[in-house]
Amino acid sequence: MMRKRTDMPAGLELWQTEWCPSSRRVRQRLTELGVSFLARQVPVEPDARTELGSATGQWTIPALVAGDEVILGEQAILGYLGSHFSEPPDAPAQRAKAEKAKRKELEETCPKLTAATR
């Protein structure tokens, strides 16, 4: 879902949380594309999301503010990024590096799981 906004300066702002899988996937895609953005942390409790509501008119995450547009939800944001940014040649290497880092994190967090998957 996209909405128009007229009081936002140019640049990308991602309203998100670290624990949200959709937010993580959007952050990863922005990184793969080499796109600079400002990450705005959103409180866990929906009732405490007044800043998010003021900035986007919504209380759900992830939300991307791009100039005068507000793009809501992972799929809509990924679609927007795909239509506005070209994938650089090093994107596959960035993806592989992120997958390796995630795997290492999982192995350190879940040693029993690691032993079972080898």
Protein backbone atom coordinates (compact mmCIF):
# COMPACT_ATOMS: atom_id res chain seq x y z
CA MET A 1 0.00 0.00 0.00
CA MET A 2 1.41 3.40 -0.96
CA ARG A 3 0.26 6.76 0.36
CA LYS A 4 1.38 10.25 -0.61
CA ARG A 5 3.04 12.56 1.86
CA THR A 6 4.09 16.15 1.25
CA ASP A 7 5.94 17.17 4.44
CA MET A 8 8.84 14.69 4.26
CA PRO A 9 12.35 15.64 3.12
CA ALA A 10 14.07 13.61 0.40
CA GLY A 11 15.79 10.37 1.42
CA LEU A 12 14.68 6.98 2.64
CA GLU A 13 13.51 6.28 6.17
CA LEU A 14 12.74 2.72 7.21
CA TRP A 15 10.43 2.44 10.20
CA GLN A 16 11.20 -0.99 11.63
CA THR A 17 12.32 -3.15 14.54
CA GLU A 18 15.26 -5.50 14.93
CA TRP A 19 13.01 -8.43 15.94
CA CYS A 20 10.68 -8.22 12.92
CA PRO A 21 11.54 -10.73 10.14
CA SER A 22 9.95 -8.51 7.49
CA SER A 23 12.01 -5.53 8.66
CA ARG A 24 15.16 -7.66 8.53
CA ARG A 25 14.45 -8.74 4.95
CA VAL A 26 13.85 -5.13 3.86
CA ARG A 27 17.07 -3.98 5.58
CA GLN A 28 18.93 -6.80 3.84
CA ARG A 29 17.56 -5.80 0.44
CA LEU A 30 18.46 -2.15 0.99
CA THR A 31 21.99 -3.26 1.88
CA GLU A 32 22.21 -5.53 -1.18
CA LEU A 33 21.18 -2.61 -3.37
CA GLY A 34 23.70 -0.31 -1.71
CA VAL A 35 20.96 2.16 -0.82
CA SER A 36 21.51 4.54 2.09
CA PHE A 37 18.62 4.83 4.51
CA LEU A 38 17.80 6.03 7.97
CA ALA A 39 16.53 3.25 10.25
CA ARG A 40 13.87 4.39 12.68
CA GLN A 41 13.27 2.04 15.60
CA VAL A 42 9.64 1.43 16.46
CA PRO A 43 8.43 0.38 19.93
CA VAL A 44 7.15 -3.17 20.36
CA GLU A 45 3.80 -2.04 21.78
CA PRO A 46 1.47 -0.75 19.03
CA ASP A 47 0.00 1.83 21.45
CA ALA A 48 3.48 3.42 21.81
CA ARG A 49 3.95 3.96 18.08
CA THR A 50 2.83 7.59 17.97
CA GLU A 51 5.94 8.75 16.08
CA LEU A 52 5.37 6.07 13.44
CA GLY A 53 1.72 7.10 13.17
CA SER A 54 2.63 10.75 12.77
CA ALA A 55 5.25 10.00 10.10
CA THR A 56 3.31 7.43 8.05
CA GLY A 57 -0.33 7.60 9.03
CA GLN A 58 -0.10 3.91 10.02
CA TRP A 59 0.99 1.85 13.00
CA THR A 60 2.38 -1.24 11.27
CA ILE A 61 5.93 -2.11 10.23
CA PRO A 62 7.91 -2.15 8.13
CA ALA A 63 7.12 1.21 6.57
CA LEU A 64 9.36 3.01 4.11
CA VAL A 65 9.15 6.77 3.67
CA ALA A 66 10.58 7.76 0.28
CA GLY A 67 10.22 11.47 -0.31
CA ASP A 68 6.48 12.11 -0.39
CA GLU A 69 5.53 8.42 -0.58
CA VAL A 70 4.85 6.02 2.28
CA ILE A 71 5.16 2.36 1.32
CA LEU A 72 3.74 -0.12 3.81
CA GLY A 73 4.56 -3.79 4.23
CA GLU A 74 7.44 -5.99 3.14
CA GLN A 75 6.11 -6.97 -0.29
CA ALA A 76 5.16 -3.42 -1.26
CA ILE A 77 8.54 -2.10 -0.09
CA LEU A 78 10.47 -4.80 -1.96
CA GLY A 79 8.41 -4.05 -5.08
CA TYR A 80 9.15 -0.33 -4.73
CA LEU A 81 12.87 -0.99 -4.33
CA GLY A 82 12.85 -3.31 -7.34
CA SER A 83 11.25 -0.67 -9.53
CA HIS A 84 13.40 2.24 -8.33
CA PHE A 85 16.89 0.76 -7.85
CA SER A 86 19.09 -1.43 -10.01
CA GLU A 87 20.83 -4.37 -8.41
CA PRO A 88 24.59 -3.74 -8.35
CA PRO A 89 26.98 -6.45 -9.56
CA ASP A 90 28.12 -7.21 -6.00
CA ALA A 91 24.59 -7.91 -4.67
CA PRO A 92 24.97 -11.73 -4.88
CA ALA A 93 28.22 -11.51 -2.90
CA GLN A 94 26.47 -9.33 -0.31
CA ARG A 95 23.65 -11.89 -0.05
CA ALA A 96 26.13 -14.76 0.39
CA LYS A 97 28.00 -12.83 3.08
CA ALA A 98 24.75 -12.14 4.96
CA GLU A 99 23.73 -15.82 4.74
CA LYS A 100 27.13 -16.90 6.06
CA ALA A 101 26.88 -14.45 8.98
CA LYS A 102 23.36 -15.63 9.80
CA ARG A 103 24.48 -19.27 9.68
CA LYS A 104 27.37 -18.51 12.04
CA GLU A 105 25.01 -16.70 14.42
CA LEU A 106 22.63 -19.67 14.41
CA GLU A 107 25.46 -22.12 15.00
CA GLU A 108 26.69 -20.12 17.99
CA THR A 109 23.18 -19.72 19.38
CA CYS A 110 22.03 -23.29 18.77
CA PRO A 111 24.99 -25.70 19.03
CA LYS A 112 22.71 -28.76 19.29
CA LEU A 113 20.95 -27.74 16.08
CA THR A 114 24.30 -27.32 14.34
CA ALA A 115 25.38 -30.86 15.28
CA ALA A 116 22.08 -32.28 14.01
CA THR A 117 22.37 -30.57 10.61
CA ARG A 118 25.89 -31.70 9.77
